[in-house]
Amino acid sequence: MTVRLLDFHADWCGPCKTQDPILEEIQENLGDAFELQKVNVDEDQDVANQYQVRSLPTLIVENDEGVVDRFVGVTQREDIEAALSEAGA
């Protein structure tokens, strides 16, 4: 099963810069258990609209069955890792 973490962000978003090190840490810990996709909302508005992203940062955890969890705002590592685990990572 493929598990994806979509990180909706923008270069001008301060909280997004706070979220980045947390995501990097998770990626170091879980490695290939999930796929991190960074989505710049200024460049990929269609994808942001598809997922109805209205605030930044927004993190969406999904697997082959669909969206498992959604976080809006800076989210702590433990919460993200729990959602990834629930999705099958």
C-alpha atoms as a PDB file:
ATOM      1  CA  MET A   1       0.000   0.000   0.000  1.00  0.00           C
ATOM      2  CA  THR A   2       1.292   3.452  -0.886  1.00  0.00           C
ATOM      3  CA  VAL A   3       1.155   6.051   1.884  1.00  0.00           C
ATOM      4  CA  ARG A   4       1.561   9.701   0.946  1.00  0.00           C
ATOM      5  CA  LEU A   5       2.009  12.823   3.024  1.00  0.00           C
ATOM      6  CA  LEU A   6       1.084  15.885   1.016  1.00  0.00           C
ATOM      7  CA  ASP A   7       2.569  19.116   2.354  1.00  0.00           C
ATOM      8  CA  PHE A   8       0.680  22.133   1.011  1.00  0.00           C
ATOM      9  CA  HIS A   9       2.862  25.199   1.519  1.00  0.00           C
ATOM     10  CA  ALA A  10       4.023  28.494   0.016  1.00  0.00           C
ATOM     11  CA  ASP A  11       7.364  30.308   0.034  1.00  0.00           C
ATOM     12  CA  TRP A  12       5.836  33.318   1.823  1.00  0.00           C
ATOM     13  CA  CYS A  13       4.216  31.226   4.600  1.00  0.00           C
ATOM     14  CA  GLY A  14       5.981  31.630   7.964  1.00  0.00           C
ATOM     15  CA  PRO A  15       4.291  28.668   9.689  1.00  0.00           C
ATOM     16  CA  CYS A  16       5.236  26.490   6.698  1.00  0.00           C
ATOM     17  CA  LYS A  17       8.902  27.197   7.451  1.00  0.00           C
ATOM     18  CA  THR A  18       8.258  26.041  11.033  1.00  0.00           C
ATOM     19  CA  GLN A  19       6.687  22.812   9.726  1.00  0.00           C
ATOM     20  CA  ASP A  20       9.595  21.914   7.400  1.00  0.00           C
ATOM     21  CA  PRO A  21      12.101  20.662  10.041  1.00  0.00           C
ATOM     22  CA  ILE A  22       9.383  18.496  11.599  1.00  0.00           C
ATOM     23  CA  LEU A  23       8.681  16.867   8.228  1.00  0.00           C
ATOM     24  CA  GLU A  24      12.384  16.349   7.588  1.00  0.00           C
ATOM     25  CA  GLU A  25      12.727  14.618  10.956  1.00  0.00           C
ATOM     26  CA  ILE A  26       9.798  12.302  10.190  1.00  0.00           C
ATOM     27  CA  GLN A  27      11.273  11.469   6.800  1.00  0.00           C
ATOM     28  CA  GLU A  28      14.613  10.601   8.426  1.00  0.00           C
ATOM     29  CA  ASN A  29      12.883   8.353  10.982  1.00  0.00           C
ATOM     30  CA  LEU A  30      10.422   6.567   8.688  1.00  0.00           C
ATOM     31  CA  GLY A  31      12.454   6.601   5.481  1.00  0.00           C
ATOM     32  CA  ASP A  32      10.729   4.737   2.684  1.00  0.00           C
ATOM     33  CA  ALA A  33       7.580   3.915   4.664  1.00  0.00           C
ATOM     34  CA  PHE A  34       5.807   6.847   3.034  1.00  0.00           C
ATOM     35  CA  GLU A  35       6.155   9.285   0.168  1.00  0.00           C
ATOM     36  CA  LEU A  36       6.424  13.011   0.948  1.00  0.00           C
ATOM     37  CA  GLN A  37       4.968  15.252  -1.733  1.00  0.00           C
ATOM     38  CA  LYS A  38       5.528  18.970  -1.318  1.00  0.00           C
ATOM     39  CA  VAL A  39       2.853  21.027  -3.069  1.00  0.00           C
ATOM     40  CA  ASN A  40       3.525  24.738  -3.536  1.00  0.00           C
ATOM     41  CA  VAL A  41       0.024  26.233  -3.667  1.00  0.00           C
ATOM     42  CA  ASP A  42       1.214  29.186  -5.752  1.00  0.00           C
ATOM     43  CA  GLU A  43       2.518  26.833  -8.449  1.00  0.00           C
ATOM     44  CA  ASP A  44      -0.016  23.978  -8.156  1.00  0.00           C
ATOM     45  CA  GLN A  45      -3.349  25.695  -7.552  1.00  0.00           C
ATOM     46  CA  ASP A  46      -5.240  22.880  -9.275  1.00  0.00           C
ATOM     47  CA  VAL A  47      -3.946  20.313  -6.772  1.00  0.00           C
ATOM     48  CA  ALA A  48      -4.681  22.652  -3.852  1.00  0.00           C
ATOM     49  CA  ASN A  49      -8.234  23.145  -5.144  1.00  0.00           C
ATOM     50  CA  GLN A  50      -8.683  19.402  -5.652  1.00  0.00           C
ATOM     51  CA  TYR A  51      -7.916  18.855  -1.951  1.00  0.00           C
ATOM     52  CA  GLN A  52      -9.856  21.994  -0.912  1.00  0.00           C
ATOM     53  CA  VAL A  53      -6.852  23.558   0.799  1.00  0.00           C
ATOM     54  CA  ARG A  54      -7.813  26.934   2.285  1.00  0.00           C
ATOM     55  CA  SER A  55      -5.124  27.510   4.937  1.00  0.00           C
ATOM     56  CA  LEU A  56      -1.384  26.907   5.163  1.00  0.00           C
ATOM     57  CA  PRO A  57       0.317  24.762   6.076  1.00  0.00           C
ATOM     58  CA  THR A  58      -2.075  21.907   5.354  1.00  0.00           C
ATOM     59  CA  LEU A  59      -0.877  18.311   5.617  1.00  0.00           C
ATOM     60  CA  ILE A  60      -2.898  15.476   4.139  1.00  0.00           C
ATOM     61  CA  VAL A  61      -2.133  11.824   4.830  1.00  0.00           C
ATOM     62  CA  GLU A  62      -3.570   9.448   2.260  1.00  0.00           C
ATOM     63  CA  ASN A  63      -3.209   5.878   1.121  1.00  0.00           C
ATOM     64  CA  ASP A  64      -4.619   3.849  -1.772  1.00  0.00           C
ATOM     65  CA  GLU A  65      -8.071   4.025  -0.181  1.00  0.00           C
ATOM     66  CA  GLY A  66      -8.134   7.836   0.091  1.00  0.00           C
ATOM     67  CA  VAL A  67      -7.540  10.561   2.663  1.00  0.00           C
ATOM     68  CA  VAL A  68      -6.808   9.190   6.143  1.00  0.00           C
ATOM     69  CA  ASP A  69      -6.172  12.453   7.987  1.00  0.00           C
ATOM     70  CA  ARG A  70      -5.834  16.207   7.440  1.00  0.00           C
ATOM     71  CA  PHE A  71      -3.972  18.745   9.555  1.00  0.00           C
ATOM     72  CA  VAL A  72      -4.244  22.520   9.238  1.00  0.00           C
ATOM     73  CA  GLY A  73      -1.571  24.690  10.838  1.00  0.00           C
ATOM     74  CA  VAL A  74       1.751  23.638  12.294  1.00  0.00           C
ATOM     75  CA  THR A  75       1.373  20.030  13.422  1.00  0.00           C
ATOM     76  CA  GLN A  76       3.528  18.153  15.906  1.00  0.00           C
ATOM     77  CA  ARG A  77       5.604  15.182  14.860  1.00  0.00           C
ATOM     78  CA  GLU A  78       3.743  12.689  17.071  1.00  0.00           C
ATOM     79  CA  ASP A  79       0.383  13.538  15.473  1.00  0.00           C
ATOM     80  CA  ILE A  80       1.744  13.206  11.945  1.00  0.00           C
ATOM     81  CA  GLU A  81       3.508   9.922  12.712  1.00  0.00           C
ATOM     82  CA  ALA A  82       0.308   8.515  14.283  1.00  0.00           C
ATOM     83  CA  ALA A  83      -1.647   9.384  11.115  1.00  0.00           C
ATOM     84  CA  LEU A  84       1.030   7.857   8.896  1.00  0.00           C
ATOM     85  CA  SER A  85       0.933   4.685  10.982  1.00  0.00           C
ATOM     86  CA  GLU A  86      -2.863   4.570  10.762  1.00  0.00           C
ATOM     87  CA  ALA A  87      -2.552   4.898   6.966  1.00  0.00           C
ATOM     88  CA  GLY A  88      -0.216   1.900   6.840  1.00  0.00           C
ATOM     89  CA  ALA A  89       3.277   3.454   6.860  1.00  0.00           C
END
